[in-house]
Amino acid sequence: MTASQPRPSGSTAVAPAIDLALFRRMVDLTTEGFYVLDRHGRFLYCNAQAHAQMGGYSMEEILQMTVVRHLSRT
């Protein structure tokens, strides 16, 4: 779809299905740490670079962690 073509009504910007095997291959090849979290802040996936950045934790430990969000009041 090019910018000049109108988007069909009811369509979304993101495809409803994703090839997870392709996604994993792409993410595993990146040189950046990549994390996938659920809406509760639990780690669902991290690539090897992210694992290296989290030094000292096993992959199993990382996948059992959550991200804590701190809200500052000003």
PDB file of N, CA and C in Angstrom:
ATOM      1  N   MET A   1       0.853  -1.170   0.000  1.00  0.00           N
ATOM      2  CA  MET A   1       0.000   0.000   0.000  1.00  0.00           C
ATOM      3  C   MET A   1       0.894   1.225   0.000  1.00  0.00           C
ATOM      4  N   THR A   2       0.682   2.101  -0.947  1.00  0.00           N
ATOM      5  CA  THR A   2       1.475   3.321  -1.005  1.00  0.00           C
ATOM      6  C   THR A   2       0.723   4.454  -0.321  1.00  0.00           C
ATOM      7  N   ALA A   3       1.425   5.556  -0.107  1.00  0.00           N
ATOM      8  CA  ALA A   3       0.812   6.695   0.579  1.00  0.00           C
ATOM      9  C   ALA A   3      -0.353   7.271  -0.218  1.00  0.00           C
ATOM     10  N   SER A   4      -0.332   7.098  -1.546  1.00  0.00           N
ATOM     11  CA  SER A   4      -1.396   7.667  -2.365  1.00  0.00           C
ATOM     12  C   SER A   4      -2.665   6.815  -2.357  1.00  0.00           C
ATOM     13  N   GLN A   5      -2.561   5.561  -1.939  1.00  0.00           N
ATOM     14  CA  GLN A   5      -3.728   4.694  -1.906  1.00  0.00           C
ATOM     15  C   GLN A   5      -4.443   4.847  -0.570  1.00  0.00           C
ATOM     16  N   PRO A   6      -5.759   5.025  -0.603  1.00  0.00           N
ATOM     17  CA  PRO A   6      -6.475   5.124   0.670  1.00  0.00           C
ATOM     18  C   PRO A   6      -6.503   3.780   1.377  1.00  0.00           C
ATOM     19  N   ARG A   7      -6.483   3.833   2.695  1.00  0.00           N
ATOM     20  CA  ARG A   7      -6.563   2.618   3.499  1.00  0.00           C
ATOM     21  C   ARG A   7      -8.014   2.162   3.526  1.00  0.00           C
ATOM     22  N   PRO A   8      -8.287   0.881   3.296  1.00  0.00           N
ATOM     23  CA  PRO A   8      -9.666   0.396   3.343  1.00  0.00           C
ATOM     24  C   PRO A   8     -10.278   0.669   4.712  1.00  0.00           C
ATOM     25  N   SER A   9     -11.563   0.984   4.726  1.00  0.00           N
ATOM     26  CA  SER A   9     -12.216   1.272   6.001  1.00  0.00           C
ATOM     27  C   SER A   9     -12.171   0.042   6.897  1.00  0.00           C
ATOM     28  N   GLY A  10     -11.970   0.284   8.197  1.00  0.00           N
ATOM     29  CA  GLY A  10     -11.916  -0.808   9.153  1.00  0.00           C
ATOM     30  C   GLY A  10     -10.569  -1.496   9.234  1.00  0.00           C
ATOM     31  N   SER A  11      -9.585  -1.085   8.408  1.00  0.00           N
ATOM     32  CA  SER A  11      -8.280  -1.728   8.469  1.00  0.00           C
ATOM     33  C   SER A  11      -7.449  -1.109   9.590  1.00  0.00           C
ATOM     34  N   THR A  12      -6.471  -1.853  10.036  1.00  0.00           N
ATOM     35  CA  THR A  12      -5.574  -1.353  11.063  1.00  0.00           C
ATOM     36  C   THR A  12      -4.184  -1.207  10.480  1.00  0.00           C
ATOM     37  N   ALA A  13      -3.331  -0.468  11.174  1.00  0.00           N
ATOM     38  CA  ALA A  13      -1.966  -0.253  10.707  1.00  0.00           C
ATOM     39  C   ALA A  13      -1.108  -1.499  10.884  1.00  0.00           C
ATOM     40  N   VAL A  14      -1.497  -2.392  11.780  1.00  0.00           N
ATOM     41  CA  VAL A  14      -0.726  -3.600  12.063  1.00  0.00           C
ATOM     42  C   VAL A  14      -1.504  -4.810  11.568  1.00  0.00           C
ATOM     43  N   ALA A  15      -0.796  -5.709  10.921  1.00  0.00           N
ATOM     44  CA  ALA A  15      -1.438  -6.933  10.435  1.00  0.00           C
ATOM     45  C   ALA A  15      -1.980  -7.731  11.613  1.00  0.00           C
ATOM     46  N   PRO A  16      -3.111  -8.394  11.456  1.00  0.00           N
ATOM     47  CA  PRO A  16      -3.702  -9.132  12.564  1.00  0.00           C
ATOM     48  C   PRO A  16      -2.889 -10.356  12.995  1.00  0.00           C
ATOM     49  N   ALA A  17      -2.048 -10.867  12.121  1.00  0.00           N
ATOM     50  CA  ALA A  17      -1.232 -12.039  12.458  1.00  0.00           C
ATOM     51  C   ALA A  17       0.215 -11.735  12.113  1.00  0.00           C
ATOM     52  N   ILE A  18       1.124 -12.322  12.862  1.00  0.00           N
ATOM     53  CA  ILE A  18       2.547 -12.124  12.606  1.00  0.00           C
ATOM     54  C   ILE A  18       3.221 -13.490  12.568  1.00  0.00           C
ATOM     55  N   ASP A  19       4.163 -13.628  11.685  1.00  0.00           N
ATOM     56  CA  ASP A  19       4.935 -14.863  11.604  1.00  0.00           C
ATOM     57  C   ASP A  19       5.953 -14.826  12.743  1.00  0.00           C
ATOM     58  N   LEU A  20       5.682 -15.546  13.822  1.00  0.00           N
ATOM     59  CA  LEU A  20       6.537 -15.482  15.011  1.00  0.00           C
ATOM     60  C   LEU A  20       7.936 -16.011  14.756  1.00  0.00           C
ATOM     61  N   ALA A  21       8.065 -17.004  13.897  1.00  0.00           N
ATOM     62  CA  ALA A  21       9.393 -17.538  13.586  1.00  0.00           C
ATOM     63  C   ALA A  21      10.235 -16.471  12.884  1.00  0.00           C
ATOM     64  N   LEU A  22       9.646 -15.755  11.950  1.00  0.00           N
ATOM     65  CA  LEU A  22      10.356 -14.681  11.248  1.00  0.00           C
ATOM     66  C   LEU A  22      10.703 -13.556  12.218  1.00  0.00           C
ATOM     67  N   PHE A  23       9.757 -13.179  13.060  1.00  0.00           N
ATOM     68  CA  PHE A  23       9.988 -12.134  14.059  1.00  0.00           C
ATOM     69  C   PHE A  23      11.169 -12.510  14.947  1.00  0.00           C
ATOM     70  N   ARG A  24      11.199 -13.732  15.437  1.00  0.00           N
ATOM     71  CA  ARG A  24      12.288 -14.169  16.313  1.00  0.00           C
ATOM     72  C   ARG A  24      13.633 -14.140  15.603  1.00  0.00           C
ATOM     73  N   ARG A  25      13.667 -14.589  14.354  1.00  0.00           N
ATOM     74  CA  ARG A  25      14.928 -14.559  13.596  1.00  0.00           C
ATOM     75  C   ARG A  25      15.420 -13.127  13.447  1.00  0.00           C
ATOM     76  N   MET A  26      14.515 -12.197  13.127  1.00  0.00           N
ATOM     77  CA  MET A  26      14.913 -10.789  12.964  1.00  0.00           C
ATOM     78  C   MET A  26      15.456 -10.226  14.270  1.00  0.00           C
ATOM     79  N   VAL A  27      14.738 -10.455  15.354  1.00  0.00           N
ATOM     80  CA  VAL A  27      15.135  -9.903  16.651  1.00  0.00           C
ATOM     81  C   VAL A  27      16.432 -10.535  17.138  1.00  0.00           C
ATOM     82  N   ASP A  28      16.615 -11.812  16.898  1.00  0.00           N
ATOM     83  CA  ASP A  28      17.824 -12.483  17.351  1.00  0.00           C
ATOM     84  C   ASP A  28      19.067 -12.016  16.595  1.00  0.00           C
ATOM     85  N   LEU A  29      18.884 -11.463  15.405  1.00  0.00           N
ATOM     86  CA  LEU A  29      20.018 -10.979  14.615  1.00  0.00           C
ATOM     87  C   LEU A  29      20.395  -9.534  14.911  1.00  0.00           C
ATOM     88  N   THR A  30      19.559  -8.810  15.615  1.00  0.00           N
ATOM     89  CA  THR A  30      19.849  -7.411  15.891  1.00  0.00           C
ATOM     90  C   THR A  30      20.964  -7.278  16.919  1.00  0.00           C
ATOM     91  N   THR A  31      21.676  -6.184  16.868  1.00  0.00           N
ATOM     92  CA  THR A  31      22.761  -5.946  17.818  1.00  0.00           C
ATOM     93  C   THR A  31      22.275  -5.179  19.044  1.00  0.00           C
ATOM     94  N   GLU A  32      21.013  -4.890  19.103  1.00  0.00           N
ATOM     95  CA  GLU A  32      20.412  -4.186  20.230  1.00  0.00           C
ATOM     96  C   GLU A  32      19.671  -5.165  21.128  1.00  0.00           C
ATOM     97  N   GLY A  33      19.608  -4.822  22.406  1.00  0.00           N
ATOM     98  CA  GLY A  33      18.794  -5.618  23.321  1.00  0.00           C
ATOM     99  C   GLY A  33      17.331  -5.417  22.985  1.00  0.00           C
ATOM    100  N   PHE A  34      16.561  -6.484  22.931  1.00  0.00           N
ATOM    101  CA  PHE A  34      15.157  -6.404  22.548  1.00  0.00           C
ATOM    102  C   PHE A  34      14.343  -7.216  23.532  1.00  0.00           C
ATOM    103  N   TYR A  35      13.339  -6.572  24.101  1.00  0.00           N
ATOM    104  CA  TYR A  35      12.476  -7.212  25.087  1.00  0.00           C
ATOM    105  C   TYR A  35      11.034  -7.149  24.614  1.00  0.00           C
ATOM    106  N   VAL A  36      10.269  -8.170  24.922  1.00  0.00           N
ATOM    107  CA  VAL A  36       8.827  -8.146  24.701  1.00  0.00           C
ATOM    108  C   VAL A  36       8.194  -8.327  26.078  1.00  0.00           C
ATOM    109  N   LEU A  37       7.300  -7.393  26.423  1.00  0.00           N
ATOM    110  CA  LEU A  37       6.623  -7.417  27.714  1.00  0.00           C
ATOM    111  C   LEU A  37       5.131  -7.550  27.510  1.00  0.00           C
ATOM    112  N   ASP A  38       4.441  -8.125  28.489  1.00  0.00           N
ATOM    113  CA  ASP A  38       2.989  -8.102  28.417  1.00  0.00           C
ATOM    114  C   ASP A  38       2.489  -6.830  29.092  1.00  0.00           C
ATOM    115  N   ARG A  39       1.203  -6.626  29.123  1.00  0.00           N
ATOM    116  CA  ARG A  39       0.665  -5.373  29.645  1.00  0.00           C
ATOM    117  C   ARG A  39       0.825  -5.233  31.157  1.00  0.00           C
ATOM    118  N   HIS A  40       1.252  -6.309  31.817  1.00  0.00           N
ATOM    119  CA  HIS A  40       1.493  -6.269  33.261  1.00  0.00           C
ATOM    120  C   HIS A  40       2.974  -6.070  33.572  1.00  0.00           C
ATOM    121  N   GLY A  41       3.801  -5.888  32.540  1.00  0.00           N
ATOM    122  CA  GLY A  41       5.222  -5.654  32.740  1.00  0.00           C
ATOM    123  C   GLY A  41       6.052  -6.913  32.898  1.00  0.00           C
ATOM    124  N   ARG A  42       5.476  -8.053  32.570  1.00  0.00           N
ATOM    125  CA  ARG A  42       6.226  -9.311  32.638  1.00  0.00           C
ATOM    126  C   ARG A  42       6.980  -9.530  31.330  1.00  0.00           C
ATOM    127  N   PHE A  43       8.216  -9.996  31.460  1.00  0.00           N
ATOM    128  CA  PHE A  43       9.004 -10.306  30.273  1.00  0.00           C
ATOM    129  C   PHE A  43       8.443 -11.553  29.609  1.00  0.00           C
ATOM    130  N   LEU A  44       8.166 -11.454  28.320  1.00  0.00           N
ATOM    131  CA  LEU A  44       7.716 -12.605  27.534  1.00  0.00           C
ATOM    132  C   LEU A  44       8.846 -13.155  26.676  1.00  0.00           C
ATOM    133  N   TYR A  45       9.772 -12.269  26.307  1.00  0.00           N
ATOM    134  CA  TYR A  45      10.865 -12.659  25.422  1.00  0.00           C
ATOM    135  C   TYR A  45      11.979 -11.637  25.535  1.00  0.00           C
ATOM    136  N   CYS A  46      13.209 -12.087  25.423  1.00  0.00           N
ATOM    137  CA  CYS A  46      14.341 -11.180  25.238  1.00  0.00           C
ATOM    138  C   CYS A  46      15.370 -11.891  24.376  1.00  0.00           C
ATOM    139  N   ASN A  47      16.064 -11.123  23.557  1.00  0.00           N
ATOM    140  CA  ASN A  47      17.065 -11.733  22.684  1.00  0.00           C
ATOM    141  C   ASN A  47      18.393 -11.877  23.433  1.00  0.00           C
ATOM    142  N   ALA A  48      19.384 -12.473  22.781  1.00  0.00           N
ATOM    143  CA  ALA A  48      20.670 -12.742  23.428  1.00  0.00           C
ATOM    144  C   ALA A  48      21.364 -11.454  23.857  1.00  0.00           C
ATOM    145  N   GLN A  49      21.252 -10.395  23.064  1.00  0.00           N
ATOM    146  CA  GLN A  49      21.890  -9.128  23.423  1.00  0.00           C
ATOM    147  C   GLN A  49      21.245  -8.547  24.680  1.00  0.00           C
ATOM    148  N   ALA A  50      19.937  -8.643  24.788  1.00  0.00           N
ATOM    149  CA  ALA A  50      19.249  -8.176  25.990  1.00  0.00           C
ATOM    150  C   ALA A  50      19.684  -9.002  27.187  1.00  0.00           C
ATOM    151  N   HIS A  51      19.841 -10.300  26.987  1.00  0.00           N
ATOM    152  CA  HIS A  51      20.295 -11.187  28.056  1.00  0.00           C
ATOM    153  C   HIS A  51      21.685 -10.763  28.516  1.00  0.00           C
ATOM    154  N   ALA A  52      22.561 -10.432  27.584  1.00  0.00           N
ATOM    155  CA  ALA A  52      23.911  -9.990  27.934  1.00  0.00           C
ATOM    156  C   ALA A  52      23.871  -8.673  28.716  1.00  0.00           C
ATOM    157  N   GLN A  53      22.950  -7.771  28.354  1.00  0.00           N
ATOM    158  CA  GLN A  53      22.831  -6.484  29.039  1.00  0.00           C
ATOM    159  C   GLN A  53      22.305  -6.640  30.459  1.00  0.00           C
ATOM    160  N   MET A  54      21.586  -7.714  30.727  1.00  0.00           N
ATOM    161  CA  MET A  54      21.004  -7.949  32.049  1.00  0.00           C
ATOM    162  C   MET A  54      21.969  -8.756  32.907  1.00  0.00           C
ATOM    163  N   GLY A  55      23.234  -8.788  32.577  1.00  0.00           N
ATOM    164  CA  GLY A  55      24.285  -9.550  33.228  1.00  0.00           C
ATOM    165  C   GLY A  55      23.965 -10.143  34.597  1.00  0.00           C
ATOM    166  N   GLY A  56      24.307 -11.405  34.756  1.00  0.00           N
ATOM    167  CA  GLY A  56      24.148 -12.075  36.027  1.00  0.00           C
ATOM    168  C   GLY A  56      22.865 -12.878  36.165  1.00  0.00           C
ATOM    169  N   TYR A  57      21.933 -12.682  35.272  1.00  0.00           N
ATOM    170  CA  TYR A  57      20.667 -13.420  35.330  1.00  0.00           C
ATOM    171  C   TYR A  57      20.624 -14.468  34.223  1.00  0.00           C
ATOM    172  N   SER A  58      20.056 -15.612  34.527  1.00  0.00           N
ATOM    173  CA  SER A  58      19.838 -16.609  33.480  1.00  0.00           C
ATOM    174  C   SER A  58      18.620 -16.184  32.669  1.00  0.00           C
ATOM    175  N   MET A  59      18.465 -16.755  31.493  1.00  0.00           N
ATOM    176  CA  MET A  59      17.300 -16.443  30.661  1.00  0.00           C
ATOM    177  C   MET A  59      16.020 -16.802  31.398  1.00  0.00           C
ATOM    178  N   GLU A  60      16.020 -17.907  32.112  1.00  0.00           N
ATOM    179  CA  GLU A  60      14.838 -18.321  32.869  1.00  0.00           C
ATOM    180  C   GLU A  60      14.494 -17.297  33.949  1.00  0.00           C
ATOM    181  N   GLU A  61      15.522 -16.753  34.619  1.00  0.00           N
ATOM    182  CA  GLU A  61      15.278 -15.738  35.648  1.00  0.00           C
ATOM    183  C   GLU A  61      14.701 -14.461  35.047  1.00  0.00           C
ATOM    184  N   ILE A  62      15.235 -14.049  33.918  1.00  0.00           N
ATOM    185  CA  ILE A  62      14.727 -12.838  33.264  1.00  0.00           C
ATOM    186  C   ILE A  62      13.255 -13.013  32.910  1.00  0.00           C
ATOM    187  N   LEU A  63      12.906 -14.169  32.375  1.00  0.00           N
ATOM    188  CA  LEU A  63      11.534 -14.389  31.943  1.00  0.00           C
ATOM    189  C   LEU A  63      10.559 -14.541  33.114  1.00  0.00           C
ATOM    190  N   GLN A  64      11.072 -14.588  34.325  1.00  0.00           N
ATOM    191  CA  GLN A  64      10.210 -14.604  35.502  1.00  0.00           C
ATOM    192  C   GLN A  64      10.135 -13.229  36.169  1.00  0.00           C
ATOM    193  N   MET A  65      10.874 -12.244  35.634  1.00  0.00           N
ATOM    194  CA  MET A  65      10.903 -10.897  36.200  1.00  0.00           C
ATOM    195  C   MET A  65       9.768 -10.040  35.655  1.00  0.00           C
ATOM    196  N   THR A  66       9.552  -8.927  36.329  1.00  0.00           N
ATOM    197  CA  THR A  66       8.631  -7.907  35.833  1.00  0.00           C
ATOM    198  C   THR A  66       9.339  -6.560  35.859  1.00  0.00           C
ATOM    199  N   VAL A  67       8.849  -5.646  35.080  1.00  0.00           N
ATOM    200  CA  VAL A  67       9.355  -4.283  35.062  1.00  0.00           C
ATOM    201  C   VAL A  67       8.482  -3.471  36.015  1.00  0.00           C
ATOM    202  N   VAL A  68       9.100  -2.757  36.915  1.00  0.00           N
ATOM    203  CA  VAL A  68       8.370  -1.931  37.863  1.00  0.00           C
ATOM    204  C   VAL A  68       8.353  -0.509  37.317  1.00  0.00           C
ATOM    205  N   ARG A  69       7.176   0.046  37.268  1.00  0.00           N
ATOM    206  CA  ARG A  69       7.017   1.409  36.763  1.00  0.00           C
ATOM    207  C   ARG A  69       6.865   2.347  37.957  1.00  0.00           C
ATOM    208  N   HIS A  70       7.737   3.323  38.025  1.00  0.00           N
ATOM    209  CA  HIS A  70       7.689   4.306  39.104  1.00  0.00           C
ATOM    210  C   HIS A  70       7.088   5.599  38.551  1.00  0.00           C
ATOM    211  N   LEU A  71       6.083   6.068  39.188  1.00  0.00           N
ATOM    212  CA  LEU A  71       5.455   7.333  38.802  1.00  0.00           C
ATOM    213  C   LEU A  71       5.950   8.417  39.745  1.00  0.00           C
ATOM    214  N   SER A  72       6.460   9.481  39.191  1.00  0.00           N
ATOM    215  CA  SER A  72       6.904  10.589  40.045  1.00  0.00           C
ATOM    216  C   SER A  72       5.826  11.662  40.033  1.00  0.00           C
ATOM    217  N   ARG A  73       5.572  12.205  41.183  1.00  0.00           N
ATOM    218  CA  ARG A  73       4.581  13.277  41.299  1.00  0.00           C
ATOM    219  C   ARG A  73       5.319  14.598  41.389  1.00  0.00           C
ATOM    220  N   THR A  74       4.916  15.519  40.557  1.00  0.00           N
ATOM    221  CA  THR A  74       5.550  16.847  40.595  1.00  0.00           C
ATOM    222  C   THR A  74       4.548  17.892  40.986  1.00  0.00           C
TER     223      THR A  74
END
